Amino acid sequence: MDRAEIDRRIRDLIEPFNKNGVTITDATTFQGDLEFDSLTVMDFVAAIEDEFDIIISMNQQAEIETYGQLVDAVKKLVDAG
């Protein structure tokens, strides 16, 4: 699966969580721009894990601050899968 397909699928998943209608770019931050709290992060990560049949470890989650980093991390996990 290429990065563009992963990006498209994650954009679909993020829509219900994007309460403020923030324009999503690779530089968009989850905590600052999207104002995700810890519960929202957990729900969003669960949705991604279900969609792609992957597990994002707590260590990986801690390193992901931007949308672009998330797409890259999911691609790496899907490719390794």
C-alpha atoms as a PDB file:
ATOM      1  CA  MET A   1       0.000   0.000   0.000  1.00  0.00           C
ATOM      2  CA  ASP A   2       1.465   3.366  -0.961  1.00  0.00           C
ATOM      3  CA  ARG A   3       1.677   6.472   1.231  1.00  0.00           C
ATOM      4  CA  ALA A   4      -1.066   8.277  -0.707  1.00  0.00           C
ATOM      5  CA  GLU A   5      -3.568   5.462  -0.033  1.00  0.00           C
ATOM      6  CA  ILE A   6      -2.655   5.367   3.659  1.00  0.00           C
ATOM      7  CA  ASP A   7      -2.971   9.165   3.813  1.00  0.00           C
ATOM      8  CA  ARG A   8      -6.437   9.037   2.207  1.00  0.00           C
ATOM      9  CA  ARG A   9      -7.674   6.365   4.590  1.00  0.00           C
ATOM     10  CA  ILE A  10      -6.332   8.166   7.676  1.00  0.00           C
ATOM     11  CA  ARG A  11      -7.937  11.432   6.478  1.00  0.00           C
ATOM     12  CA  ASP A  12     -11.287   9.609   6.385  1.00  0.00           C
ATOM     13  CA  LEU A  13     -10.693   8.295   9.905  1.00  0.00           C
ATOM     14  CA  ILE A  14      -9.648  11.650  11.351  1.00  0.00           C
ATOM     15  CA  GLU A  15     -12.717  13.522  10.098  1.00  0.00           C
ATOM     16  CA  PRO A  16     -15.037  12.709  13.053  1.00  0.00           C
ATOM     17  CA  PHE A  17     -12.247  13.637  15.499  1.00  0.00           C
ATOM     18  CA  ASN A  18     -11.497  16.979  13.791  1.00  0.00           C
ATOM     19  CA  LYS A  19     -14.076  18.981  15.759  1.00  0.00           C
ATOM     20  CA  ASN A  20     -12.670  22.388  14.763  1.00  0.00           C
ATOM     21  CA  GLY A  21     -12.429  21.668  11.035  1.00  0.00           C
ATOM     22  CA  VAL A  22      -8.638  22.135  11.002  1.00  0.00           C
ATOM     23  CA  THR A  23      -7.024  21.789   7.569  1.00  0.00           C
ATOM     24  CA  ILE A  24      -4.893  18.646   7.773  1.00  0.00           C
ATOM     25  CA  THR A  25      -1.320  18.834   6.462  1.00  0.00           C
ATOM     26  CA  ASP A  26       1.759  16.738   7.224  1.00  0.00           C
ATOM     27  CA  ALA A  27       2.750  19.412   9.765  1.00  0.00           C
ATOM     28  CA  THR A  28      -0.589  19.391  11.647  1.00  0.00           C
ATOM     29  CA  THR A  29      -0.040  18.505  15.319  1.00  0.00           C
ATOM     30  CA  PHE A  30      -2.509  16.390  17.255  1.00  0.00           C
ATOM     31  CA  GLN A  31      -2.141  18.140  20.593  1.00  0.00           C
ATOM     32  CA  GLY A  32      -1.672  21.738  19.437  1.00  0.00           C
ATOM     33  CA  ASP A  33      -3.587  22.111  16.166  1.00  0.00           C
ATOM     34  CA  LEU A  34      -6.284  19.461  16.607  1.00  0.00           C
ATOM     35  CA  GLU A  35      -6.478  19.831  20.406  1.00  0.00           C
ATOM     36  CA  PHE A  36      -6.718  16.058  20.941  1.00  0.00           C
ATOM     37  CA  ASP A  37      -6.886  15.041  24.591  1.00  0.00           C
ATOM     38  CA  SER A  38      -5.636  11.652  25.778  1.00  0.00           C
ATOM     39  CA  LEU A  39      -9.031   9.956  25.371  1.00  0.00           C
ATOM     40  CA  THR A  40      -9.374  11.255  21.807  1.00  0.00           C
ATOM     41  CA  VAL A  41      -5.879  10.009  21.002  1.00  0.00           C
ATOM     42  CA  MET A  42      -6.769   6.546  22.340  1.00  0.00           C
ATOM     43  CA  ASP A  43      -9.968   6.402  20.281  1.00  0.00           C
ATOM     44  CA  PHE A  44      -8.230   7.662  17.141  1.00  0.00           C
ATOM     45  CA  VAL A  45      -5.328   5.210  17.500  1.00  0.00           C
ATOM     46  CA  ALA A  46      -7.818   2.356  17.999  1.00  0.00           C
ATOM     47  CA  ALA A  47      -9.618   3.364  14.790  1.00  0.00           C
ATOM     48  CA  ILE A  48      -6.311   3.377  12.874  1.00  0.00           C
ATOM     49  CA  GLU A  49      -5.263   0.022  14.320  1.00  0.00           C
ATOM     50  CA  ASP A  50      -8.600  -1.504  13.299  1.00  0.00           C
ATOM     51  CA  GLU A  51      -8.535   0.017   9.808  1.00  0.00           C
ATOM     52  CA  PHE A  52      -5.021  -1.175   8.984  1.00  0.00           C
ATOM     53  CA  ASP A  53      -4.891  -4.289  11.216  1.00  0.00           C
ATOM     54  CA  ILE A  54      -1.752  -3.043  12.973  1.00  0.00           C
ATOM     55  CA  ILE A  55      -0.635  -2.288  16.530  1.00  0.00           C
ATOM     56  CA  ILE A  56       0.899   1.101  17.328  1.00  0.00           C
ATOM     57  CA  SER A  57       2.923   0.677  20.519  1.00  0.00           C
ATOM     58  CA  MET A  58       2.855   3.221  23.315  1.00  0.00           C
ATOM     59  CA  ASN A  59       6.492   4.064  22.524  1.00  0.00           C
ATOM     60  CA  GLN A  60       5.616   4.727  18.877  1.00  0.00           C
ATOM     61  CA  GLN A  61       2.611   6.822  19.899  1.00  0.00           C
ATOM     62  CA  ALA A  62       4.806   8.962  22.145  1.00  0.00           C
ATOM     63  CA  GLU A  63       7.095   9.778  19.209  1.00  0.00           C
ATOM     64  CA  ILE A  64       4.282  10.786  16.832  1.00  0.00           C
ATOM     65  CA  GLU A  65       3.477  14.486  17.090  1.00  0.00           C
ATOM     66  CA  THR A  66       2.339  15.397  13.572  1.00  0.00           C
ATOM     67  CA  TYR A  67      -0.029  13.992  10.981  1.00  0.00           C
ATOM     68  CA  GLY A  68       2.855  13.333   8.568  1.00  0.00           C
ATOM     69  CA  GLN A  69       4.736  11.346  11.216  1.00  0.00           C
ATOM     70  CA  LEU A  70       1.595   9.273  11.780  1.00  0.00           C
ATOM     71  CA  VAL A  71       1.185   8.483   8.072  1.00  0.00           C
ATOM     72  CA  ASP A  72       4.864   7.486   7.851  1.00  0.00           C
ATOM     73  CA  ALA A  73       4.607   5.290  10.967  1.00  0.00           C
ATOM     74  CA  VAL A  74       1.468   3.531   9.685  1.00  0.00           C
ATOM     75  CA  LYS A  75       3.122   2.945   6.301  1.00  0.00           C
ATOM     76  CA  LYS A  76       6.151   1.410   8.002  1.00  0.00           C
ATOM     77  CA  LEU A  77       3.930  -0.901  10.098  1.00  0.00           C
ATOM     78  CA  VAL A  78       1.789  -1.891   7.105  1.00  0.00           C
ATOM     79  CA  ASP A  79       4.879  -2.613   5.013  1.00  0.00           C
ATOM     80  CA  ALA A  80       6.369  -4.712   7.826  1.00  0.00           C
ATOM     81  CA  GLY A  81       3.080  -6.551   8.374  1.00  0.00           C
END
